[in-house]
Amino acid sequence: MGCISFIFSTKFIFSLLLFSAIPIGILITLERTPPSTHVYQYHSNSWLRECAKWDDLNRRFLVSYMEGGVGELKLQTDDNHVLDEITAFKDVDLAGNASVGISIDRSRNRLLVVTADLIGNRYGGLAAYDLSSWRRLFLTHLTKPGGEKAFADDVAVDEEGNAYVTDVKNSKLWKVNVDGKLLSIIKSPLFTPKEWYKNLVGLNGIVYHPDGYLLVIHTFSGNLYKIDLKKGEEITLVKIVKGSLQFGDGLELLSPTKLVVAGNPAGRLVESTDGWETASVVGKFSGAMHRLATAATVKDGKAYISHLIGLGYPKRKHVIVEAVFSS
């Protein structure tokens, strides 16, 4: 199959190991058990869907394709209806690259999409698309073919339109301006835990806080970082005084003081009352853990978790599950 990327080998192979450890009978039982919370189901032609974000203005979910591209799920009047995934775009020049993290830049009516070198180590990049026409506005190469091994994974955008993309392999961030120009690379010794095995999957989910800073999760260590953009990109480690964020993946703010962390377990609710100097895990949600939770989004004030794995044949059925947290 050629050169398999870092993230493909961690997320995909981990999921295969997870499934191999679960007897088929238990898997069937998990699938047949009625969900305890609201679920959006949708049909897809692929096993893998990395990220889903709610587009409130257009009343649709946007979903990133691990094989490259983005789809949309337009809601039906019947809440129990299984949605059909409609491809919004698939760029021919990006074939072989995965679309992973996505972020809606509402004030500029655009979608930011991280592209990753899933097969063949082509390059990592960031693209922007107009949300109305799906016209590509720019494509920025973050790495070069044959260059440094990296894996662009997730993205957040600040009030000025600058985008921040995480490198899950080398635990750094790329900063790209509103026009697609690569401005800088943000690095810090804080991003590298001393234990080597905690660096196998590094900086991952990222979100912009309206008070002018970024929150970034380091997956294998569970470290949460605050990057204050108003203080020259000052980096501090958020002290988690209760609970653990280990294996955290996608992030989404439920409010300025509450953060949803997708991962293992499927979801955790984290709260801070001091501007994210410290934080506590105040709730957990299991949901469809066997489908491997990877991203979080907020719809109508409620948290939803999307999952990497689709099940079923010939059409795969994916789920976006409402997360109701218990202490």
C-alpha atoms as a PDB file:
ATOM      1  CA  MET A   1       0.000   0.000   0.000  1.00  0.00           C
ATOM      2  CA  GLY A   2       3.026   2.263   0.029  1.00  0.00           C
ATOM      3  CA  CYS A   3       4.123   4.526   2.844  1.00  0.00           C
ATOM      4  CA  ILE A   4       1.425   4.693   5.553  1.00  0.00           C
ATOM      5  CA  SER A   5       1.351   7.909   7.500  1.00  0.00           C
ATOM      6  CA  PHE A   6       1.890   8.307  11.218  1.00  0.00           C
ATOM      7  CA  ILE A   7      -1.684   9.141  12.080  1.00  0.00           C
ATOM      8  CA  PHE A   8      -3.050   6.388   9.874  1.00  0.00           C
ATOM      9  CA  SER A   9      -0.975   3.849  11.780  1.00  0.00           C
ATOM     10  CA  THR A  10      -2.026   5.187  15.176  1.00  0.00           C
ATOM     11  CA  LYS A  11      -5.719   5.883  14.785  1.00  0.00           C
ATOM     12  CA  PHE A  12      -6.613   3.286  12.199  1.00  0.00           C
ATOM     13  CA  ILE A  13      -4.501   0.425  13.516  1.00  0.00           C
ATOM     14  CA  PHE A  14      -5.520   1.274  17.075  1.00  0.00           C
ATOM     15  CA  SER A  15      -9.133   1.013  15.980  1.00  0.00           C
ATOM     16  CA  LEU A  16      -8.451  -2.346  14.348  1.00  0.00           C
ATOM     17  CA  LEU A  17      -6.865  -3.588  17.554  1.00  0.00           C
ATOM     18  CA  LEU A  18      -9.838  -2.290  19.474  1.00  0.00           C
ATOM     19  CA  PHE A  19     -12.260  -4.155  17.227  1.00  0.00           C
ATOM     20  CA  SER A  20     -10.175  -7.342  17.330  1.00  0.00           C
ATOM     21  CA  ALA A  21     -10.399  -7.269  21.127  1.00  0.00           C
ATOM     22  CA  ILE A  22     -14.201  -7.033  21.079  1.00  0.00           C
ATOM     23  CA  PRO A  23     -16.077 -10.284  20.327  1.00  0.00           C
ATOM     24  CA  ILE A  24     -18.459  -9.927  17.406  1.00  0.00           C
ATOM     25  CA  GLY A  25     -21.420 -10.743  19.641  1.00  0.00           C
ATOM     26  CA  ILE A  26     -20.605  -7.865  21.964  1.00  0.00           C
ATOM     27  CA  LEU A  27     -20.147  -5.542  18.993  1.00  0.00           C
ATOM     28  CA  ILE A  28     -23.562  -6.479  17.656  1.00  0.00           C
ATOM     29  CA  THR A  29     -25.076  -5.943  21.090  1.00  0.00           C
ATOM     30  CA  LEU A  30     -23.487  -2.504  21.341  1.00  0.00           C
ATOM     31  CA  GLU A  31     -24.918  -1.562  17.952  1.00  0.00           C
ATOM     32  CA  ARG A  32     -28.408  -2.859  18.757  1.00  0.00           C
ATOM     33  CA  THR A  33     -28.639  -1.230  22.157  1.00  0.00           C
ATOM     34  CA  PRO A  34     -30.944   1.812  21.884  1.00  0.00           C
ATOM     35  CA  PRO A  35     -28.938   5.004  22.390  1.00  0.00           C
ATOM     36  CA  SER A  36     -29.538   6.873  25.632  1.00  0.00           C
ATOM     37  CA  THR A  37     -29.133  10.282  23.946  1.00  0.00           C
ATOM     38  CA  HIS A  38     -30.040  11.848  20.625  1.00  0.00           C
ATOM     39  CA  VAL A  39     -28.134  10.485  17.607  1.00  0.00           C
ATOM     40  CA  TYR A  40     -27.786  11.700  14.022  1.00  0.00           C
ATOM     41  CA  GLN A  41     -27.096   8.770  11.706  1.00  0.00           C
ATOM     42  CA  TYR A  42     -25.822   9.117   8.178  1.00  0.00           C
ATOM     43  CA  HIS A  43     -24.880   6.859   5.278  1.00  0.00           C
ATOM     44  CA  SER A  44     -21.451   7.090   3.719  1.00  0.00           C
ATOM     45  CA  ASN A  45     -19.359   5.223   1.151  1.00  0.00           C
ATOM     46  CA  SER A  46     -16.312   5.100   3.405  1.00  0.00           C
ATOM     47  CA  TRP A  47     -15.337   3.494   6.699  1.00  0.00           C
ATOM     48  CA  LEU A  48     -13.511   6.553   8.033  1.00  0.00           C
ATOM     49  CA  ARG A  49     -14.785  10.027   8.864  1.00  0.00           C
ATOM     50  CA  GLU A  50     -12.424  12.169  10.939  1.00  0.00           C
ATOM     51  CA  CYS A  51     -14.299  15.298  11.975  1.00  0.00           C
ATOM     52  CA  ALA A  52     -17.816  16.783  11.955  1.00  0.00           C
ATOM     53  CA  LYS A  53     -18.715  20.413  12.680  1.00  0.00           C
ATOM     54  CA  TRP A  54     -22.150  22.014  12.903  1.00  0.00           C
ATOM     55  CA  ASP A  55     -22.818  24.868  10.475  1.00  0.00           C
ATOM     56  CA  ASP A  56     -25.599  26.713  12.260  1.00  0.00           C
ATOM     57  CA  LEU A  57     -26.299  29.308   9.560  1.00  0.00           C
ATOM     58  CA  ASN A  58     -26.912  26.658   6.893  1.00  0.00           C
ATOM     59  CA  ARG A  59     -28.359  24.041   9.291  1.00  0.00           C
ATOM     60  CA  ARG A  60     -26.017  21.261   8.277  1.00  0.00           C
ATOM     61  CA  PHE A  61     -23.136  19.170   9.551  1.00  0.00           C
ATOM     62  CA  LEU A  62     -19.879  19.345   7.612  1.00  0.00           C
ATOM     63  CA  VAL A  63     -17.813  16.161   7.644  1.00  0.00           C
ATOM     64  CA  SER A  64     -14.174  15.624   6.642  1.00  0.00           C
ATOM     65  CA  TYR A  65     -13.259  12.580   4.526  1.00  0.00           C
ATOM     66  CA  MET A  66     -10.196  10.549   5.431  1.00  0.00           C
ATOM     67  CA  GLU A  67      -9.867   9.777   1.709  1.00  0.00           C
ATOM     68  CA  GLY A  68      -9.905  13.514   0.967  1.00  0.00           C
ATOM     69  CA  GLY A  69     -12.729  15.996   0.607  1.00  0.00           C
ATOM     70  CA  VAL A  70     -15.638  17.281   2.675  1.00  0.00           C
ATOM     71  CA  GLY A  71     -19.297  16.287   2.745  1.00  0.00           C
ATOM     72  CA  GLU A  72     -22.441  17.901   4.082  1.00  0.00           C
ATOM     73  CA  LEU A  73     -25.374  16.436   5.985  1.00  0.00           C
ATOM     74  CA  LYS A  74     -28.505  18.490   5.488  1.00  0.00           C
ATOM     75  CA  LEU A  75     -31.036  17.941   8.248  1.00  0.00           C
ATOM     76  CA  GLN A  76     -34.444  16.512   7.466  1.00  0.00           C
ATOM     77  CA  THR A  77     -37.716  17.441   9.135  1.00  0.00           C
ATOM     78  CA  ASP A  78     -37.888  13.874  10.451  1.00  0.00           C
ATOM     79  CA  ASP A  79     -35.317  13.627  13.231  1.00  0.00           C
ATOM     80  CA  ASN A  80     -35.214   9.822  12.962  1.00  0.00           C
ATOM     81  CA  HIS A  81     -34.329   9.908   9.267  1.00  0.00           C
ATOM     82  CA  VAL A  82     -30.907   8.480   8.328  1.00  0.00           C
ATOM     83  CA  LEU A  83     -29.102  11.316   6.582  1.00  0.00           C
ATOM     84  CA  ASP A  84     -27.341  10.931   3.265  1.00  0.00           C
ATOM     85  CA  GLU A  85     -23.858  12.329   2.934  1.00  0.00           C
ATOM     86  CA  ILE A  86     -23.509  14.700  -0.029  1.00  0.00           C
ATOM     87  CA  THR A  87     -19.996  15.467  -1.247  1.00  0.00           C
ATOM     88  CA  ALA A  88     -19.312  19.201  -1.186  1.00  0.00           C
ATOM     89  CA  PHE A  89     -15.893  18.960  -2.829  1.00  0.00           C
ATOM     90  CA  LYS A  90     -13.028  16.597  -3.624  1.00  0.00           C
ATOM     91  CA  ASP A  91      -9.985  18.279  -5.105  1.00  0.00           C
ATOM     92  CA  VAL A  92      -8.187  16.264  -7.765  1.00  0.00           C
ATOM     93  CA  ASP A  93      -4.845  17.868  -6.916  1.00  0.00           C
ATOM     94  CA  LEU A  94      -5.206  16.684  -3.318  1.00  0.00           C
ATOM     95  CA  ALA A  95      -5.893  13.031  -4.142  1.00  0.00           C
ATOM     96  CA  GLY A  96      -3.918  10.864  -1.730  1.00  0.00           C
ATOM     97  CA  ASN A  97      -4.168  13.421   1.050  1.00  0.00           C
ATOM     98  CA  ALA A  98      -6.714  13.078   3.850  1.00  0.00           C
ATOM     99  CA  SER A  99      -9.001  15.854   5.004  1.00  0.00           C
ATOM    100  CA  VAL A 100      -8.809  15.800   8.796  1.00  0.00           C
ATOM    101  CA  GLY A 101      -9.491  18.751  11.116  1.00  0.00           C
ATOM    102  CA  ILE A 102     -11.952  21.417   9.954  1.00  0.00           C
ATOM    103  CA  SER A 103     -13.020  24.766  11.392  1.00  0.00           C
ATOM    104  CA  ILE A 104     -15.787  27.157  10.352  1.00  0.00           C
ATOM    105  CA  ASP A 105     -14.670  30.780  10.077  1.00  0.00           C
ATOM    106  CA  ARG A 106     -18.147  32.285  10.269  1.00  0.00           C
ATOM    107  CA  SER A 107     -17.217  35.969  10.003  1.00  0.00           C
ATOM    108  CA  ARG A 108     -15.480  35.293   6.665  1.00  0.00           C
ATOM    109  CA  ASN A 109     -17.966  32.680   5.406  1.00  0.00           C
ATOM    110  CA  ARG A 110     -15.300  30.070   4.870  1.00  0.00           C
ATOM    111  CA  LEU A 111     -14.290  26.586   5.932  1.00  0.00           C
ATOM    112  CA  LEU A 112     -10.697  25.821   6.883  1.00  0.00           C
ATOM    113  CA  VAL A 113      -9.604  22.269   6.096  1.00  0.00           C
ATOM    114  CA  VAL A 114      -6.392  20.549   7.171  1.00  0.00           C
ATOM    115  CA  THR A 115      -5.001  18.157   4.578  1.00  0.00           C
ATOM    116  CA  ALA A 116      -2.630  15.440   5.721  1.00  0.00           C
ATOM    117  CA  ASP A 117      -0.234  13.097   3.958  1.00  0.00           C
ATOM    118  CA  LEU A 118      -2.223   9.941   4.589  1.00  0.00           C
ATOM    119  CA  ILE A 119      -0.602   7.815   1.886  1.00  0.00           C
ATOM    120  CA  GLY A 120       2.673   8.506   0.129  1.00  0.00           C
ATOM    121  CA  ASN A 121       3.986  11.297   2.383  1.00  0.00           C
ATOM    122  CA  ARG A 122       3.039  14.018  -0.122  1.00  0.00           C
ATOM    123  CA  TYR A 123       2.640  17.039   2.139  1.00  0.00           C
ATOM    124  CA  GLY A 124       0.562  18.560   4.887  1.00  0.00           C
ATOM    125  CA  GLY A 125      -1.457  21.634   4.083  1.00  0.00           C
ATOM    126  CA  LEU A 126      -4.229  24.034   4.953  1.00  0.00           C
ATOM    127  CA  ALA A 127      -6.985  24.982   2.520  1.00  0.00           C
ATOM    128  CA  ALA A 128      -9.820  27.489   2.770  1.00  0.00           C
ATOM    129  CA  TYR A 129     -13.163  27.209   0.950  1.00  0.00           C
ATOM    130  CA  ASP A 130     -16.072  29.577   0.514  1.00  0.00           C
ATOM    131  CA  LEU A 131     -19.030  28.146   2.446  1.00  0.00           C
ATOM    132  CA  SER A 132     -21.549  29.199  -0.202  1.00  0.00           C
ATOM    133  CA  SER A 133     -19.855  28.216  -3.467  1.00  0.00           C
ATOM    134  CA  TRP A 134     -17.183  25.768  -2.194  1.00  0.00           C
ATOM    135  CA  ARG A 135     -14.649  27.690  -4.269  1.00  0.00           C
ATOM    136  CA  ARG A 136     -11.155  27.114  -2.920  1.00  0.00           C
ATOM    137  CA  LEU A 137      -9.682  30.374  -1.674  1.00  0.00           C
ATOM    138  CA  PHE A 138      -6.149  29.171  -0.995  1.00  0.00           C
ATOM    139  CA  LEU A 139      -4.028  26.096  -0.417  1.00  0.00           C
ATOM    140  CA  THR A 140      -0.957  26.492   1.773  1.00  0.00           C
ATOM    141  CA  HIS A 141       1.728  23.797   1.862  1.00  0.00           C
ATOM    142  CA  LEU A 142       2.920  23.320   5.433  1.00  0.00           C
ATOM    143  CA  THR A 143       5.419  20.587   4.578  1.00  0.00           C
ATOM    144  CA  LYS A 144       7.236  19.522   1.432  1.00  0.00           C
ATOM    145  CA  PRO A 145       7.226  16.079  -0.248  1.00  0.00           C
ATOM    146  CA  GLY A 146      10.223  14.168   1.033  1.00  0.00           C
ATOM    147  CA  GLY A 147      10.859  16.733   3.740  1.00  0.00           C
ATOM    148  CA  GLU A 148      10.383  16.594   7.483  1.00  0.00           C
ATOM    149  CA  LYS A 149       8.001  13.881   8.621  1.00  0.00           C
ATOM    150  CA  ALA A 150       5.017  15.702  10.061  1.00  0.00           C
ATOM    151  CA  PHE A 151       1.273  15.284  10.297  1.00  0.00           C
ATOM    152  CA  ALA A 152      -1.027  18.294  10.136  1.00  0.00           C
ATOM    153  CA  ASP A 153      -4.133  17.384  12.108  1.00  0.00           C
ATOM    154  CA  ASP A 154      -6.469  20.076  13.461  1.00  0.00           C
ATOM    155  CA  VAL A 155      -7.102  23.796  13.057  1.00  0.00           C
ATOM    156  CA  ALA A 156      -8.534  26.803  14.882  1.00  0.00           C
ATOM    157  CA  VAL A 157      -8.967  30.375  13.651  1.00  0.00           C
ATOM    158  CA  ASP A 158      -8.676  33.615  15.634  1.00  0.00           C
ATOM    159  CA  GLU A 159     -10.643  36.859  15.283  1.00  0.00           C
ATOM    160  CA  GLU A 160      -8.217  38.249  12.706  1.00  0.00           C
ATOM    161  CA  GLY A 161      -8.528  35.193  10.501  1.00  0.00           C
ATOM    162  CA  ASN A 162      -5.160  33.669  11.402  1.00  0.00           C
ATOM    163  CA  ALA A 163      -5.270  29.874  11.429  1.00  0.00           C
ATOM    164  CA  TYR A 164      -3.321  27.615  13.799  1.00  0.00           C
ATOM    165  CA  VAL A 165      -2.668  24.041  12.679  1.00  0.00           C
ATOM    166  CA  THR A 166      -1.388  21.303  14.988  1.00  0.00           C
ATOM    167  CA  ASP A 167       1.347  18.848  14.043  1.00  0.00           C
ATOM    168  CA  VAL A 168       0.430  15.652  15.875  1.00  0.00           C
ATOM    169  CA  LYS A 169       3.792  14.030  15.095  1.00  0.00           C
ATOM    170  CA  ASN A 170       6.236  16.759  16.129  1.00  0.00           C
ATOM    171  CA  SER A 171       4.058  18.702  18.592  1.00  0.00           C
ATOM    172  CA  LYS A 172       4.257  22.130  17.032  1.00  0.00           C
ATOM    173  CA  LEU A 173       1.832  24.577  15.432  1.00  0.00           C
ATOM    174  CA  TRP A 174       1.878  26.310  12.067  1.00  0.00           C
ATOM    175  CA  LYS A 175       0.461  29.853  11.951  1.00  0.00           C
ATOM    176  CA  VAL A 176      -1.142  30.867   8.644  1.00  0.00           C
ATOM    177  CA  ASN A 177      -2.575  34.324   8.000  1.00  0.00           C
ATOM    178  CA  VAL A 178      -5.991  35.185   6.578  1.00  0.00           C
ATOM    179  CA  ASP A 179      -4.645  35.133   3.010  1.00  0.00           C
ATOM    180  CA  GLY A 180      -2.971  31.751   3.344  1.00  0.00           C
ATOM    181  CA  LYS A 181       0.604  32.896   3.972  1.00  0.00           C
ATOM    182  CA  LEU A 182       2.622  30.750   6.369  1.00  0.00           C
ATOM    183  CA  LEU A 183       3.725  33.192   9.054  1.00  0.00           C
ATOM    184  CA  SER A 184       5.548  31.154  11.668  1.00  0.00           C
ATOM    185  CA  ILE A 185       5.939  27.892  13.539  1.00  0.00           C
ATOM    186  CA  ILE A 186       5.145  27.817  17.248  1.00  0.00           C
ATOM    187  CA  LYS A 187       7.351  25.471  19.289  1.00  0.00           C
ATOM    188  CA  SER A 188       8.018  24.961  22.989  1.00  0.00           C
ATOM    189  CA  PRO A 189       9.808  22.439  25.247  1.00  0.00           C
ATOM    190  CA  LEU A 190       6.510  22.293  27.168  1.00  0.00           C
ATOM    191  CA  PHE A 191       4.996  20.476  24.196  1.00  0.00           C
ATOM    192  CA  THR A 192       7.336  17.489  24.683  1.00  0.00           C
ATOM    193  CA  PRO A 193       6.760  15.329  27.796  1.00  0.00           C
ATOM    194  CA  LYS A 194       9.894  13.667  29.154  1.00  0.00           C
ATOM    195  CA  GLU A 195       8.533  10.137  28.652  1.00  0.00           C
ATOM    196  CA  TRP A 196       9.220   9.068  25.041  1.00  0.00           C
ATOM    197  CA  TYR A 197       6.078   6.970  24.750  1.00  0.00           C
ATOM    198  CA  LYS A 198       3.879   9.954  25.569  1.00  0.00           C
ATOM    199  CA  ASN A 199       5.129  11.632  22.411  1.00  0.00           C
ATOM    200  CA  LEU A 200       3.839   8.993  19.992  1.00  0.00           C
ATOM    201  CA  VAL A 201       0.712  11.106  19.468  1.00  0.00           C
ATOM    202  CA  GLY A 202       1.332  14.735  20.356  1.00  0.00           C
ATOM    203  CA  LEU A 203      -0.511  18.041  19.879  1.00  0.00           C
ATOM    204  CA  ASN A 204      -3.926  17.278  18.450  1.00  0.00           C
ATOM    205  CA  GLY A 205      -7.218  19.085  19.095  1.00  0.00           C
ATOM    206  CA  ILE A 206      -7.226  22.875  19.184  1.00  0.00           C
ATOM    207  CA  VAL A 207      -9.817  25.594  19.792  1.00  0.00           C
ATOM    208  CA  TYR A 208      -9.775  29.394  19.895  1.00  0.00           C
ATOM    209  CA  HIS A 209     -11.149  31.052  23.020  1.00  0.00           C
ATOM    210  CA  PRO A 210     -12.966  34.397  22.572  1.00  0.00           C
ATOM    211  CA  ASP A 211     -10.741  35.963  25.237  1.00  0.00           C
ATOM    212  CA  GLY A 212      -7.790  35.774  22.848  1.00  0.00           C
ATOM    213  CA  TYR A 213      -5.992  32.499  23.447  1.00  0.00           C
ATOM    214  CA  LEU A 214      -5.780  28.960  22.134  1.00  0.00           C
ATOM    215  CA  LEU A 215      -6.390  25.735  24.040  1.00  0.00           C
ATOM    216  CA  VAL A 216      -4.516  22.711  22.677  1.00  0.00           C
ATOM    217  CA  ILE A 217      -4.574  19.075  23.810  1.00  0.00           C
ATOM    218  CA  HIS A 218      -1.588  16.685  23.770  1.00  0.00           C
ATOM    219  CA  THR A 219      -3.176  13.281  23.196  1.00  0.00           C
ATOM    220  CA  PHE A 220      -0.943  10.689  24.821  1.00  0.00           C
ATOM    221  CA  SER A 221       0.076  12.786  27.838  1.00  0.00           C
ATOM    222  CA  GLY A 222      -3.308  14.453  28.377  1.00  0.00           C
ATOM    223  CA  ASN A 223      -1.606  17.819  28.788  1.00  0.00           C
ATOM    224  CA  LEU A 224      -3.728  20.874  28.012  1.00  0.00           C
ATOM    225  CA  TYR A 225      -1.927  24.026  26.912  1.00  0.00           C
ATOM    226  CA  LYS A 226      -2.991  27.662  26.852  1.00  0.00           C
ATOM    227  CA  ILE A 227      -1.366  29.849  24.202  1.00  0.00           C
ATOM    228  CA  ASP A 228      -2.082  33.506  24.927  1.00  0.00           C
ATOM    229  CA  LEU A 229      -2.070  35.371  21.608  1.00  0.00           C
ATOM    230  CA  LYS A 230      -2.303  38.747  23.379  1.00  0.00           C
ATOM    231  CA  LYS A 231       0.942  38.039  25.222  1.00  0.00           C
ATOM    232  CA  GLY A 232       3.179  37.171  22.307  1.00  0.00           C
ATOM    233  CA  GLU A 233       1.946  33.575  22.059  1.00  0.00           C
ATOM    234  CA  GLU A 234       2.882  32.868  25.668  1.00  0.00           C
ATOM    235  CA  ILE A 235       2.528  29.149  26.396  1.00  0.00           C
ATOM    236  CA  THR A 236       1.462  27.753  29.761  1.00  0.00           C
ATOM    237  CA  LEU A 237       0.409  24.324  30.945  1.00  0.00           C
ATOM    238  CA  VAL A 238      -3.158  24.272  32.242  1.00  0.00           C
ATOM    239  CA  LYS A 239      -3.141  22.528  35.614  1.00  0.00           C
ATOM    240  CA  ILE A 240      -5.758  19.759  35.656  1.00  0.00           C
ATOM    241  CA  VAL A 241      -6.743  19.602  39.315  1.00  0.00           C
ATOM    242  CA  LYS A 242      -9.361  16.885  38.891  1.00  0.00           C
ATOM    243  CA  GLY A 243      -9.523  14.023  36.408  1.00  0.00           C
ATOM    244  CA  SER A 244      -7.386  13.194  33.370  1.00  0.00           C
ATOM    245  CA  LEU A 245      -7.410  14.272  29.727  1.00  0.00           C
ATOM    246  CA  GLN A 246      -5.216  11.437  28.485  1.00  0.00           C
ATOM    247  CA  PHE A 247      -6.171  10.255  24.969  1.00  0.00           C
ATOM    248  CA  GLY A 248      -8.038  13.512  24.345  1.00  0.00           C
ATOM    249  CA  ASP A 249      -8.551  14.328  20.673  1.00  0.00           C
ATOM    250  CA  GLY A 250     -10.950  16.926  19.244  1.00  0.00           C
ATOM    251  CA  LEU A 251     -11.942  20.022  21.247  1.00  0.00           C
ATOM    252  CA  GLU A 252     -14.936  22.361  21.232  1.00  0.00           C
ATOM    253  CA  LEU A 253     -15.986  25.123  23.610  1.00  0.00           C
ATOM    254  CA  LEU A 254     -19.455  24.654  25.055  1.00  0.00           C
ATOM    255  CA  SER A 255     -19.092  28.032  26.762  1.00  0.00           C
ATOM    256  CA  PRO A 256     -16.144  30.269  27.740  1.00  0.00           C
ATOM    257  CA  THR A 257     -15.714  28.200  30.918  1.00  0.00           C
ATOM    258  CA  LYS A 258     -16.583  24.722  29.590  1.00  0.00           C
ATOM    259  CA  LEU A 259     -14.618  22.628  27.114  1.00  0.00           C
ATOM    260  CA  VAL A 260     -15.728  19.385  25.451  1.00  0.00           C
ATOM    261  CA  VAL A 261     -12.911  16.889  24.850  1.00  0.00           C
ATOM    262  CA  ALA A 262     -13.592  13.995  22.463  1.00  0.00           C
ATOM    263  CA  GLY A 263     -11.468  10.860  22.727  1.00  0.00           C
ATOM    264  CA  ASN A 264     -11.338   7.945  25.120  1.00  0.00           C
ATOM    265  CA  PRO A 265     -13.815   7.851  26.831  1.00  0.00           C
ATOM    266  CA  ALA A 266     -16.024   9.262  24.084  1.00  0.00           C
ATOM    267  CA  GLY A 267     -16.353  12.634  25.762  1.00  0.00           C
ATOM    268  CA  ARG A 268     -15.276  14.637  28.791  1.00  0.00           C
ATOM    269  CA  LEU A 269     -16.545  17.979  30.019  1.00  0.00           C
ATOM    270  CA  VAL A 270     -13.814  20.205  31.435  1.00  0.00           C
ATOM    271  CA  GLU A 271     -14.473  23.390  33.395  1.00  0.00           C
ATOM    272  CA  SER A 272     -12.317  26.348  34.388  1.00  0.00           C
ATOM    273  CA  THR A 273     -13.265  29.310  36.565  1.00  0.00           C
ATOM    274  CA  ASP A 274      -9.936  31.174  36.381  1.00  0.00           C
ATOM    275  CA  GLY A 275      -9.390  31.822  32.696  1.00  0.00           C
ATOM    276  CA  TRP A 276      -7.940  28.362  32.013  1.00  0.00           C
ATOM    277  CA  GLU A 277      -5.063  28.620  34.428  1.00  0.00           C
ATOM    278  CA  THR A 278      -6.499  25.503  36.080  1.00  0.00           C
ATOM    279  CA  ALA A 279      -9.313  23.159  35.060  1.00  0.00           C
ATOM    280  CA  SER A 280     -11.256  20.120  36.254  1.00  0.00           C
ATOM    281  CA  VAL A 281     -12.989  17.229  34.544  1.00  0.00           C
ATOM    282  CA  VAL A 282     -16.569  17.667  35.759  1.00  0.00           C
ATOM    283  CA  GLY A 283     -18.378  15.146  33.547  1.00  0.00           C
ATOM    284  CA  LYS A 284     -17.911  12.098  31.339  1.00  0.00           C
ATOM    285  CA  PHE A 285     -19.878  10.529  28.506  1.00  0.00           C
ATOM    286  CA  SER A 286     -19.289   7.031  27.124  1.00  0.00           C
ATOM    287  CA  GLY A 287     -21.594   6.877  24.094  1.00  0.00           C
ATOM    288  CA  ALA A 288     -20.445   4.804  21.108  1.00  0.00           C
ATOM    289  CA  MET A 289     -16.927   4.146  22.378  1.00  0.00           C
ATOM    290  CA  HIS A 290     -16.465   1.202  20.000  1.00  0.00           C
ATOM    291  CA  ARG A 291     -16.676   3.641  17.063  1.00  0.00           C
ATOM    292  CA  LEU A 292     -13.686   5.701  18.297  1.00  0.00           C
ATOM    293  CA  ALA A 293     -14.655   9.291  19.120  1.00  0.00           C
ATOM    294  CA  THR A 294     -12.458  11.855  17.375  1.00  0.00           C
ATOM    295  CA  ALA A 295     -14.196  15.247  17.266  1.00  0.00           C
ATOM    296  CA  ALA A 296     -16.676  17.445  19.108  1.00  0.00           C
ATOM    297  CA  THR A 297     -19.073  20.137  17.967  1.00  0.00           C
ATOM    298  CA  VAL A 298     -21.903  22.194  19.450  1.00  0.00           C
ATOM    299  CA  LYS A 299     -25.398  22.348  17.961  1.00  0.00           C
ATOM    300  CA  ASP A 300     -28.140  24.494  19.483  1.00  0.00           C
ATOM    301  CA  GLY A 301     -26.263  24.668  22.786  1.00  0.00           C
ATOM    302  CA  LYS A 302     -25.719  20.903  23.025  1.00  0.00           C
ATOM    303  CA  ALA A 303     -22.461  18.980  22.649  1.00  0.00           C
ATOM    304  CA  TYR A 304     -22.168  16.298  19.975  1.00  0.00           C
ATOM    305  CA  ILE A 305     -19.405  13.757  19.412  1.00  0.00           C
ATOM    306  CA  SER A 306     -18.455  12.406  15.978  1.00  0.00           C
ATOM    307  CA  HIS A 307     -16.668   9.119  15.423  1.00  0.00           C
ATOM    308  CA  LEU A 308     -13.977   7.754  13.120  1.00  0.00           C
ATOM    309  CA  ILE A 309     -15.501   4.346  12.365  1.00  0.00           C
ATOM    310  CA  GLY A 310     -18.539   3.597  10.227  1.00  0.00           C
ATOM    311  CA  LEU A 311     -20.253   0.207  10.358  1.00  0.00           C
ATOM    312  CA  GLY A 312     -22.450  -1.697   7.924  1.00  0.00           C
ATOM    313  CA  TYR A 313     -22.312  -2.841   4.298  1.00  0.00           C
ATOM    314  CA  PRO A 314     -22.542  -1.851   1.445  1.00  0.00           C
ATOM    315  CA  LYS A 315     -23.260   1.596   2.864  1.00  0.00           C
ATOM    316  CA  ARG A 316     -21.451   2.447   6.040  1.00  0.00           C
ATOM    317  CA  LYS A 317     -23.521   4.083   8.744  1.00  0.00           C
ATOM    318  CA  HIS A 318     -21.840   6.751  10.851  1.00  0.00           C
ATOM    319  CA  VAL A 319     -23.144   8.459  13.981  1.00  0.00           C
ATOM    320  CA  ILE A 320     -22.942  11.895  15.569  1.00  0.00           C
ATOM    321  CA  VAL A 321     -24.031  11.447  19.176  1.00  0.00           C
ATOM    322  CA  GLU A 322     -25.312  13.996  21.664  1.00  0.00           C
ATOM    323  CA  ALA A 323     -23.064  13.966  24.729  1.00  0.00           C
ATOM    324  CA  VAL A 324     -24.901  14.187  28.040  1.00  0.00           C
ATOM    325  CA  PHE A 325     -22.274  14.296  30.749  1.00  0.00           C
ATOM    326  CA  SER A 326     -22.507  12.642  34.159  1.00  0.00           C
ATOM    327  CA  SER A 327     -20.237  13.388  37.096  1.00  0.00           C
END
